Amino acid sequence: MGSGNIVHNLRATLRDAPDSASASTDWAQRFDDDVKHALEARDDKALMAYERMGPHARMAVPTPDHYWPLLYALGAAGARERPRTTHASFQSGTLSMRCLQFG
């Protein structure tokens, strides 16, 4: 089990934005999409080197403390286990609420 946020730049949240299926900013949506695709491909190396995904990654993950739980859960799962998204949404415009299940 892991708990965190894929996109979590708290300084860039839009406090009045309603919960939504998509982000209010391009950088947040793009990073969440990149992570989603890397998860689907089970590209663990890309997920571990997330900062190499581009400038939107640095904006989405200004500090890794909320992102690391994803890597812990990924490491605990079997190498061939594909994660299944059980929920995906955004809060405050930019906070990714993607929930995954392994196994």
C-alpha atoms as a PDB file:
ATOM      1  CA  MET A   1       0.000   0.000   0.000  1.00  0.00           C
ATOM      2  CA  GLY A   2       1.223   3.485  -0.768  1.00  0.00           C
ATOM      3  CA  SER A   3      -0.198   6.954  -0.305  1.00  0.00           C
ATOM      4  CA  GLY A   4       0.869  10.131  -2.048  1.00  0.00           C
ATOM      5  CA  ASN A   5       0.222  12.296  -5.058  1.00  0.00           C
ATOM      6  CA  ILE A   6       1.703  11.913  -8.522  1.00  0.00           C
ATOM      7  CA  VAL A   7       1.324  15.661  -9.140  1.00  0.00           C
ATOM      8  CA  HIS A   8       1.635  17.637  -5.924  1.00  0.00           C
ATOM      9  CA  ASN A   9       3.011  21.151  -6.377  1.00  0.00           C
ATOM     10  CA  LEU A  10       1.113  22.671  -3.463  1.00  0.00           C
ATOM     11  CA  ARG A  11       2.243  26.196  -4.307  1.00  0.00           C
ATOM     12  CA  ALA A  12       0.615  25.931  -7.744  1.00  0.00           C
ATOM     13  CA  THR A  13      -2.795  24.655  -6.674  1.00  0.00           C
ATOM     14  CA  LEU A  14      -5.929  26.494  -7.699  1.00  0.00           C
ATOM     15  CA  ARG A  15      -7.818  26.409  -4.416  1.00  0.00           C
ATOM     16  CA  ASP A  16     -11.202  27.332  -5.909  1.00  0.00           C
ATOM     17  CA  ALA A  17     -11.016  24.811  -8.760  1.00  0.00           C
ATOM     18  CA  PRO A  18     -13.608  22.057  -8.466  1.00  0.00           C
ATOM     19  CA  ASP A  19     -12.645  18.387  -8.490  1.00  0.00           C
ATOM     20  CA  SER A  20     -12.333  17.309 -12.099  1.00  0.00           C
ATOM     21  CA  ALA A  21     -11.351  14.407 -14.343  1.00  0.00           C
ATOM     22  CA  SER A  22      -8.638  16.565 -15.903  1.00  0.00           C
ATOM     23  CA  ALA A  23      -6.109  19.099 -14.643  1.00  0.00           C
ATOM     24  CA  SER A  24      -6.541  22.838 -14.931  1.00  0.00           C
ATOM     25  CA  THR A  25      -2.972  23.248 -16.189  1.00  0.00           C
ATOM     26  CA  ASP A  26      -1.100  21.641 -19.059  1.00  0.00           C
ATOM     27  CA  TRP A  27       1.973  20.758 -16.980  1.00  0.00           C
ATOM     28  CA  ALA A  28      -0.073  18.839 -14.379  1.00  0.00           C
ATOM     29  CA  GLN A  29      -2.094  16.939 -16.972  1.00  0.00           C
ATOM     30  CA  ARG A  30       0.968  16.143 -19.045  1.00  0.00           C
ATOM     31  CA  PHE A  31       2.934  14.734 -16.121  1.00  0.00           C
ATOM     32  CA  ASP A  32       0.009  12.635 -14.887  1.00  0.00           C
ATOM     33  CA  ASP A  33      -0.440  11.297 -18.436  1.00  0.00           C
ATOM     34  CA  ASP A  34       3.287  10.509 -18.727  1.00  0.00           C
ATOM     35  CA  VAL A  35       3.212   8.597 -15.453  1.00  0.00           C
ATOM     36  CA  LYS A  36       0.028   6.782 -16.480  1.00  0.00           C
ATOM     37  CA  HIS A  37       1.644   5.639 -19.748  1.00  0.00           C
ATOM     38  CA  ALA A  38       4.868   4.583 -17.987  1.00  0.00           C
ATOM     39  CA  LEU A  39       2.808   2.588 -15.490  1.00  0.00           C
ATOM     40  CA  GLU A  40       0.827   0.905 -18.261  1.00  0.00           C
ATOM     41  CA  ALA A  41       4.104  -0.065 -19.966  1.00  0.00           C
ATOM     42  CA  ARG A  42       5.595  -0.967 -16.594  1.00  0.00           C
ATOM     43  CA  ASP A  43       8.547   1.275 -17.452  1.00  0.00           C
ATOM     44  CA  ASP A  44       9.966   1.349 -13.933  1.00  0.00           C
ATOM     45  CA  LYS A  45      13.171   3.065 -15.064  1.00  0.00           C
ATOM     46  CA  ALA A  46      11.214   6.021 -16.479  1.00  0.00           C
ATOM     47  CA  LEU A  47       9.154   6.254 -13.296  1.00  0.00           C
ATOM     48  CA  MET A  48      12.274   6.256 -11.120  1.00  0.00           C
ATOM     49  CA  ALA A  49      13.908   8.949 -13.297  1.00  0.00           C
ATOM     50  CA  TYR A  50      10.721  11.042 -13.492  1.00  0.00           C
ATOM     51  CA  GLU A  51      12.665  14.323 -13.503  1.00  0.00           C
ATOM     52  CA  ARG A  52      13.919  13.406 -16.980  1.00  0.00           C
ATOM     53  CA  MET A  53      10.377  13.496 -18.365  1.00  0.00           C
ATOM     54  CA  GLY A  54      10.795  17.221 -18.993  1.00  0.00           C
ATOM     55  CA  PRO A  55      10.179  20.636 -17.428  1.00  0.00           C
ATOM     56  CA  HIS A  56       6.571  19.729 -16.639  1.00  0.00           C
ATOM     57  CA  ALA A  57       7.949  16.983 -14.348  1.00  0.00           C
ATOM     58  CA  ARG A  58       9.943  19.489 -12.316  1.00  0.00           C
ATOM     59  CA  MET A  59       6.842  21.647 -11.956  1.00  0.00           C
ATOM     60  CA  ALA A  60       4.663  18.655 -11.016  1.00  0.00           C
ATOM     61  CA  VAL A  61       7.131  17.201  -8.493  1.00  0.00           C
ATOM     62  CA  PRO A  62       9.061  20.055  -6.900  1.00  0.00           C
ATOM     63  CA  THR A  63      10.069  17.729  -4.045  1.00  0.00           C
ATOM     64  CA  PRO A  64       9.903  13.919  -4.248  1.00  0.00           C
ATOM     65  CA  ASP A  65       8.395  13.197  -0.814  1.00  0.00           C
ATOM     66  CA  HIS A  66       4.833  12.774  -2.160  1.00  0.00           C
ATOM     67  CA  TYR A  67       5.987  10.929  -5.292  1.00  0.00           C
ATOM     68  CA  TRP A  68       8.169   8.295  -3.589  1.00  0.00           C
ATOM     69  CA  PRO A  69       5.217   6.249  -2.235  1.00  0.00           C
ATOM     70  CA  LEU A  70       4.374   5.387  -5.851  1.00  0.00           C
ATOM     71  CA  LEU A  71       7.856   3.919  -6.234  1.00  0.00           C
ATOM     72  CA  TYR A  72       7.546   1.996  -2.951  1.00  0.00           C
ATOM     73  CA  ALA A  73       4.280   0.420  -4.129  1.00  0.00           C
ATOM     74  CA  LEU A  74       5.799  -0.306  -7.526  1.00  0.00           C
ATOM     75  CA  GLY A  75       8.778  -2.021  -5.898  1.00  0.00           C
ATOM     76  CA  ALA A  76       6.536  -4.098  -3.641  1.00  0.00           C
ATOM     77  CA  ALA A  77       4.537  -5.365  -6.614  1.00  0.00           C
ATOM     78  CA  GLY A  78       5.758  -8.281  -8.679  1.00  0.00           C
ATOM     79  CA  ALA A  79       7.853  -7.331 -11.701  1.00  0.00           C
ATOM     80  CA  ARG A  80       5.142  -8.592 -14.071  1.00  0.00           C
ATOM     81  CA  GLU A  81       2.180  -7.097 -12.226  1.00  0.00           C
ATOM     82  CA  ARG A  82       0.468  -4.362 -14.191  1.00  0.00           C
ATOM     83  CA  PRO A  83      -1.164  -1.658 -12.107  1.00  0.00           C
ATOM     84  CA  ARG A  84      -4.833  -0.956 -12.631  1.00  0.00           C
ATOM     85  CA  THR A  85      -6.127   2.572 -12.148  1.00  0.00           C
ATOM     86  CA  THR A  86      -9.078   2.415  -9.776  1.00  0.00           C
ATOM     87  CA  HIS A  87      -9.610   6.177  -9.635  1.00  0.00           C
ATOM     88  CA  ALA A  88      -8.211   9.203 -11.454  1.00  0.00           C
ATOM     89  CA  SER A  89      -9.102  12.836 -10.834  1.00  0.00           C
ATOM     90  CA  PHE A  90      -7.626  16.189  -9.901  1.00  0.00           C
ATOM     91  CA  GLN A  91      -8.275  18.305  -6.826  1.00  0.00           C
ATOM     92  CA  SER A  92      -7.535  22.011  -6.580  1.00  0.00           C
ATOM     93  CA  GLY A  93      -6.820  22.024 -10.303  1.00  0.00           C
ATOM     94  CA  THR A  94      -3.407  20.383 -10.159  1.00  0.00           C
ATOM     95  CA  LEU A  95      -3.288  17.643  -7.502  1.00  0.00           C
ATOM     96  CA  SER A  96      -3.425  14.233  -9.162  1.00  0.00           C
ATOM     97  CA  MET A  97      -5.564  11.739  -7.248  1.00  0.00           C
ATOM     98  CA  ARG A  98      -4.639   8.647  -9.279  1.00  0.00           C
ATOM     99  CA  CYS A  99      -5.254   5.460  -7.291  1.00  0.00           C
ATOM    100  CA  LEU A 100      -3.667   2.193  -8.387  1.00  0.00           C
ATOM    101  CA  GLN A 101      -4.135  -1.457  -7.588  1.00  0.00           C
ATOM    102  CA  PHE A 102      -1.531  -4.135  -8.169  1.00  0.00           C
ATOM    103  CA  GLY A 103      -2.343  -7.829  -8.353  1.00  0.00           C
END
